[in-house]
C-alpha atoms as a PDB file:
ATOM      1  CA  GLY A   1     -19.005 155.680 157.152  1.00  0.00           C
ATOM      2  CA  PHE A   2     -16.082 154.888 154.769  1.00  0.00           C
ATOM      3  CA  ARG A   3     -12.871 156.048 156.283  1.00  0.00           C
ATOM      4  CA  THR A   4     -14.360 157.638 159.312  1.00  0.00           C
ATOM      5  CA  ASN A   5     -14.406 156.452 162.934  1.00  0.00           C
ATOM      6  CA  PRO A   6     -16.572 155.960 165.973  1.00  0.00           C
ATOM      7  CA  THR A   7     -15.720 159.373 167.384  1.00  0.00           C
ATOM      8  CA  ILE A   8     -17.126 160.966 164.186  1.00  0.00           C
ATOM      9  CA  MET A   9     -20.235 158.873 164.248  1.00  0.00           C
ATOM     10  CA  GLU A  10     -20.725 159.789 167.985  1.00  0.00           C
ATOM     11  CA  PHE A  11     -20.412 163.450 167.113  1.00  0.00           C
ATOM     12  CA  GLN A  12     -22.774 163.080 164.070  1.00  0.00           C
ATOM     13  CA  THR A  13     -25.414 161.537 166.329  1.00  0.00           C
ATOM     14  CA  THR A  14     -25.200 163.958 169.221  1.00  0.00           C
ATOM     15  CA  ILE A  15     -28.651 165.384 168.759  1.00  0.00           C
ATOM     16  CA  LEU A  16     -30.185 161.880 168.157  1.00  0.00           C
ATOM     17  CA  GLN A  17     -28.647 160.651 171.471  1.00  0.00           C
ATOM     18  CA  ALA A  18     -29.759 163.653 173.303  1.00  0.00           C
ATOM     19  CA  ASN A  19     -33.419 162.969 172.169  1.00  0.00           C
ATOM     20  CA  MET A  20     -33.151 159.132 172.878  1.00  0.00           C
ATOM     21  CA  LYS A  21     -31.561 159.205 176.367  1.00  0.00           C
ATOM     22  CA  GLU A  22     -33.305 155.957 177.303  1.00  0.00           C
ATOM     23  CA  TYR A  23     -31.112 154.131 174.728  1.00  0.00           C
ATOM     24  CA  GLU A  24     -27.396 153.391 174.965  1.00  0.00           C
ATOM     25  CA  PHE A  25     -25.388 154.024 171.772  1.00  0.00           C
ATOM     26  CA  VAL A  26     -22.501 151.715 170.916  1.00  0.00           C
ATOM     27  CA  PHE A  27     -20.115 152.749 168.196  1.00  0.00           C
ATOM     28  CA  MET A  28     -18.329 149.865 166.301  1.00  0.00           C
ATOM     29  CA  PRO A  29     -15.169 150.551 164.705  1.00  0.00           C
ATOM     30  CA  SER A  30     -14.709 148.795 161.288  1.00  0.00           C
ATOM     31  CA  MET A  31     -12.111 146.287 160.865  1.00  0.00           C
ATOM     32  CA  ILE A  32      -9.888 147.887 158.257  1.00  0.00           C
ATOM     33  CA  LYS A  33      -7.846 150.653 159.822  1.00  0.00           C
ATOM     34  CA  THR A  34      -6.272 153.469 157.875  1.00  0.00           C
ATOM     35  CA  GLU A  35      -4.680 156.877 158.443  1.00  0.00           C
ATOM     36  CA  THR A  36      -6.347 158.353 155.320  1.00  0.00           C
ATOM     37  CA  PRO A  37      -9.742 160.013 155.997  1.00  0.00           C
ATOM     38  CA  PHE A  38     -12.613 159.963 153.555  1.00  0.00           C
ATOM     39  CA  ASP A  39     -12.429 163.793 153.415  1.00  0.00           C
ATOM     40  CA  GLU A  40      -9.582 166.186 154.495  1.00  0.00           C
ATOM     41  CA  THR A  41     -12.144 168.237 156.571  1.00  0.00           C
ATOM     42  CA  LEU A  42     -12.519 165.273 158.786  1.00  0.00           C
ATOM     43  CA  ALA A  43      -8.706 165.041 159.320  1.00  0.00           C
ATOM     44  CA  LYS A  44      -8.888 168.742 160.610  1.00  0.00           C
ATOM     45  CA  MET A  45     -11.579 167.908 163.184  1.00  0.00           C
ATOM     46  CA  PHE A  46     -10.934 164.174 164.091  1.00  0.00           C
ATOM     47  CA  LYS A  47      -7.740 162.371 164.742  1.00  0.00           C
ATOM     48  CA  PRO A  48      -7.050 158.967 163.038  1.00  0.00           C
ATOM     49  CA  PRO A  49      -7.216 156.179 162.901  1.00  0.00           C
ATOM     50  CA  TYR A  50     -10.055 155.914 160.381  1.00  0.00           C
ATOM     51  CA  TYR A  51     -11.884 152.718 159.342  1.00  0.00           C
ATOM     52  CA  CYS A  52     -13.885 151.052 156.586  1.00  0.00           C
ATOM     53  CA  HIS A  53     -15.830 147.842 156.443  1.00  0.00           C
ATOM     54  CA  TRP A  54     -14.419 147.198 153.002  1.00  0.00           C
ATOM     55  CA  ASP A  55     -11.867 148.817 150.684  1.00  0.00           C
ATOM     56  CA  ARG A  56     -12.773 147.362 147.404  1.00  0.00           C
ATOM     57  CA  GLY A  57      -9.732 146.156 145.407  1.00  0.00           C
ATOM     58  CA  THR A  58      -7.071 146.634 148.082  1.00  0.00           C
ATOM     59  CA  SER A  59      -7.105 143.503 149.975  1.00  0.00           C
ATOM     60  CA  GLY A  60      -6.595 141.015 147.250  1.00  0.00           C
ATOM     61  CA  LYS A  61      -9.960 139.431 148.044  1.00  0.00           C
ATOM     62  CA  SER A  62     -13.049 139.556 145.893  1.00  0.00           C
ATOM     63  CA  PHE A  63     -15.511 142.357 146.853  1.00  0.00           C
ATOM     64  CA  ALA A  64     -17.990 139.753 148.090  1.00  0.00           C
ATOM     65  CA  GLU A  65     -15.173 138.147 150.391  1.00  0.00           C
ATOM     66  CA  GLU A  66     -14.589 141.511 151.767  1.00  0.00           C
ATOM     67  CA  ILE A  67     -18.240 142.012 152.591  1.00  0.00           C
ATOM     68  CA  TYR A  68     -18.508 138.646 154.198  1.00  0.00           C
ATOM     69  CA  ASP A  69     -15.365 139.459 156.331  1.00  0.00           C
ATOM     70  CA  ALA A  70     -17.205 142.665 157.457  1.00  0.00           C
ATOM     71  CA  VAL A  71     -20.388 140.599 158.282  1.00  0.00           C
ATOM     72  CA  ARG A  72     -18.263 138.168 160.415  1.00  0.00           C
ATOM     73  CA  TYR A  73     -16.637 140.937 162.169  1.00  0.00           C
ATOM     74  CA  THR A  74     -19.995 142.534 163.010  1.00  0.00           C
ATOM     75  CA  LYS A  75     -21.376 139.328 164.112  1.00  0.00           C
ATOM     76  CA  GLN A  76     -18.463 138.697 166.592  1.00  0.00           C
ATOM     77  CA  PHE A  77     -18.917 142.512 167.848  1.00  0.00           C
ATOM     78  CA  VAL A  78     -22.540 141.916 168.415  1.00  0.00           C
ATOM     79  CA  GLU A  79     -21.929 138.612 170.269  1.00  0.00           C
ATOM     80  CA  GLU A  80     -19.299 140.407 172.485  1.00  0.00           C
ATOM     81  CA  ASN A  81     -21.179 143.644 172.985  1.00  0.00           C
ATOM     82  CA  GLY A  82     -24.780 143.025 172.402  1.00  0.00           C
ATOM     83  CA  PRO A  83     -27.651 142.447 172.294  1.00  0.00           C
ATOM     84  CA  PHE A  84     -28.724 145.458 170.498  1.00  0.00           C
ATOM     85  CA  ARG A  85     -32.397 146.743 169.698  1.00  0.00           C
ATOM     86  CA  ALA A  86     -31.319 148.283 166.324  1.00  0.00           C
ATOM     87  CA  VAL A  87     -28.360 148.986 164.032  1.00  0.00           C
ATOM     88  CA  LEU A  88     -27.723 152.430 162.696  1.00  0.00           C
ATOM     89  CA  GLY A  89     -25.432 152.777 159.788  1.00  0.00           C
ATOM     90  CA  PHE A  90     -24.139 155.799 157.859  1.00  0.00           C
ATOM     91  CA  SER A  91     -22.966 155.532 154.256  1.00  0.00           C
ATOM     92  CA  GLN A  92     -20.807 152.415 153.982  1.00  0.00           C
ATOM     93  CA  GLY A  93     -22.294 151.409 157.536  1.00  0.00           C
ATOM     94  CA  ALA A  94     -25.740 151.628 156.125  1.00  0.00           C
ATOM     95  CA  ALA A  95     -24.745 149.437 153.105  1.00  0.00           C
ATOM     96  CA  LEU A  96     -23.397 146.933 155.556  1.00  0.00           C
ATOM     97  CA  ALA A  97     -26.729 147.206 157.513  1.00  0.00           C
ATOM     98  CA  THR A  98     -28.530 146.375 154.300  1.00  0.00           C
ATOM     99  CA  VAL A  99     -26.362 143.315 153.779  1.00  0.00           C
ATOM    100  CA  LEU A 100     -27.013 142.257 157.365  1.00  0.00           C
ATOM    101  CA  ALA A 101     -30.760 142.676 156.835  1.00  0.00           C
ATOM    102  CA  CYS A 102     -30.619 140.516 153.696  1.00  0.00           C
ATOM    103  CA  LEU A 103     -28.680 137.855 155.319  1.00  0.00           C
ATOM    104  CA  GLN A 104     -30.911 137.973 158.460  1.00  0.00           C
ATOM    105  CA  GLN A 105     -33.957 137.649 156.397  1.00  0.00           C
ATOM    106  CA  ALA A 106     -32.455 134.702 154.374  1.00  0.00           C
ATOM    107  CA  TYR A 107     -30.885 132.602 157.151  1.00  0.00           C
ATOM    108  CA  SER A 108     -32.113 133.931 160.502  1.00  0.00           C
ATOM    109  CA  PRO A 109     -35.268 135.801 160.403  1.00  0.00           C
ATOM    110  CA  ALA A 110     -35.530 136.140 164.323  1.00  0.00           C
ATOM    111  CA  GLY A 111     -32.522 138.237 165.028  1.00  0.00           C
ATOM    112  CA  PRO A 112     -30.221 139.748 166.169  1.00  0.00           C
ATOM    113  CA  PHE A 113     -31.463 143.158 164.729  1.00  0.00           C
ATOM    114  CA  PRO A 114     -35.268 144.057 164.773  1.00  0.00           C
ATOM    115  CA  VAL A 115     -34.703 147.460 163.322  1.00  0.00           C
ATOM    116  CA  PHE A 116     -32.309 148.881 160.708  1.00  0.00           C
ATOM    117  CA  VAL A 117     -31.697 152.666 160.311  1.00  0.00           C
ATOM    118  CA  CYS A 118     -29.725 153.510 157.294  1.00  0.00           C
ATOM    119  CA  VAL A 119     -28.529 157.025 156.781  1.00  0.00           C
ATOM    120  CA  CYS A 120     -27.228 157.972 153.319  1.00  0.00           C
ATOM    121  CA  GLY A 121     -26.781 154.382 152.468  1.00  0.00           C
ATOM    122  CA  SER A 122     -27.333 152.149 149.394  1.00  0.00           C
ATOM    123  CA  TRP A 123     -26.499 148.568 148.281  1.00  0.00           C
ATOM    124  CA  PRO A 124     -22.582 148.208 148.524  1.00  0.00           C
ATOM    125  CA  ASP A 125     -21.943 147.835 144.814  1.00  0.00           C
ATOM    126  CA  TRP A 126     -24.539 150.456 143.538  1.00  0.00           C
ATOM    127  CA  ARG A 127     -21.725 152.239 141.468  1.00  0.00           C
ATOM    128  CA  GLU A 128     -20.196 149.186 139.967  1.00  0.00           C
ATOM    129  CA  PRO A 129     -22.417 145.889 140.195  1.00  0.00           C
ATOM    130  CA  ASP A 130     -20.707 142.765 141.439  1.00  0.00           C
ATOM    131  CA  PRO A 131     -22.533 139.441 140.468  1.00  0.00           C
ATOM    132  CA  ASP A 132     -21.574 137.782 143.844  1.00  0.00           C
ATOM    133  CA  VAL A 133     -22.742 140.715 145.732  1.00  0.00           C
ATOM    134  CA  GLN A 134     -25.960 140.760 143.727  1.00  0.00           C
ATOM    135  CA  ARG A 135     -26.643 137.194 144.713  1.00  0.00           C
ATOM    136  CA  MET A 136     -26.519 138.088 148.351  1.00  0.00           C
ATOM    137  CA  PHE A 137     -29.617 140.249 147.763  1.00  0.00           C
ATOM    138  CA  GLU A 138     -31.299 137.603 145.538  1.00  0.00           C
ATOM    139  CA  GLN A 139     -30.921 135.045 148.296  1.00  0.00           C
ATOM    140  CA  ALA A 140     -32.707 137.224 150.800  1.00  0.00           C
ATOM    141  CA  GLY A 141     -35.804 137.351 148.522  1.00  0.00           C
ATOM    142  CA  ALA A 142     -37.057 140.844 147.682  1.00  0.00           C
ATOM    143  CA  PRO A 143     -38.644 142.851 149.030  1.00  0.00           C
ATOM    144  CA  LEU A 144     -36.818 143.104 152.375  1.00  0.00           C
ATOM    145  CA  LYS A 145     -39.333 142.615 155.275  1.00  0.00           C
ATOM    146  CA  ALA A 146     -37.129 144.095 158.007  1.00  0.00           C
ATOM    147  CA  GLN A 147     -38.403 147.133 159.842  1.00  0.00           C
ATOM    148  CA  SER A 148     -36.290 149.901 158.576  1.00  0.00           C
ATOM    149  CA  VAL A 149     -35.834 153.638 158.294  1.00  0.00           C
ATOM    150  CA  HIS A 150     -33.856 155.146 155.449  1.00  0.00           C
ATOM    151  CA  VAL A 151     -32.633 158.757 155.654  1.00  0.00           C
ATOM    152  CA  TYR A 152     -31.304 160.670 152.512  1.00  0.00           C
ATOM    153  CA  GLY A 153     -30.204 164.167 152.126  1.00  0.00           C
ATOM    154  CA  LYS A 154     -31.253 166.323 149.028  1.00  0.00           C
ATOM    155  CA  ALA A 155     -27.754 166.285 147.699  1.00  0.00           C
ATOM    156  CA  ASP A 156     -27.053 162.592 147.892  1.00  0.00           C
ATOM    157  CA  GLU A 157     -26.229 161.448 144.455  1.00  0.00           C
ATOM    158  CA  MET A 158     -28.248 158.259 144.551  1.00  0.00           C
ATOM    159  CA  LEU A 159     -31.595 160.127 144.299  1.00  0.00           C
END
């Protein structure tokens, strides 16, 4: 998630991991490091650093460039630590998983992820549409054919 870290994700998936002991869970830190958490409650429970896949508008790059940087970073992580049977993303991580599914469908339907699990996720620019980001989705060809599971809470504002 945006400005969280692998320790937080590991904590959030404790019950899932306990019920899926036959699988290894690998937690990828995002490439942008910050000392500022998404929520001050997190700072009380989990030490920094915190991470995000993109921090729209702070890098001097376009939003689409930030997303492609996150995709390249993730691709390198997968090459160095994979293969993986699935990708699970929460919030901003789920948005990145959606981008990965789009790019995989458009350019490499065979892999590297057979399954996508998106928890509290959306398309990256759902609040403020970006034409370059929208083109990523259009290139994939809707609807997405990837096997996926989408988990949302009753209080998620996208619903």
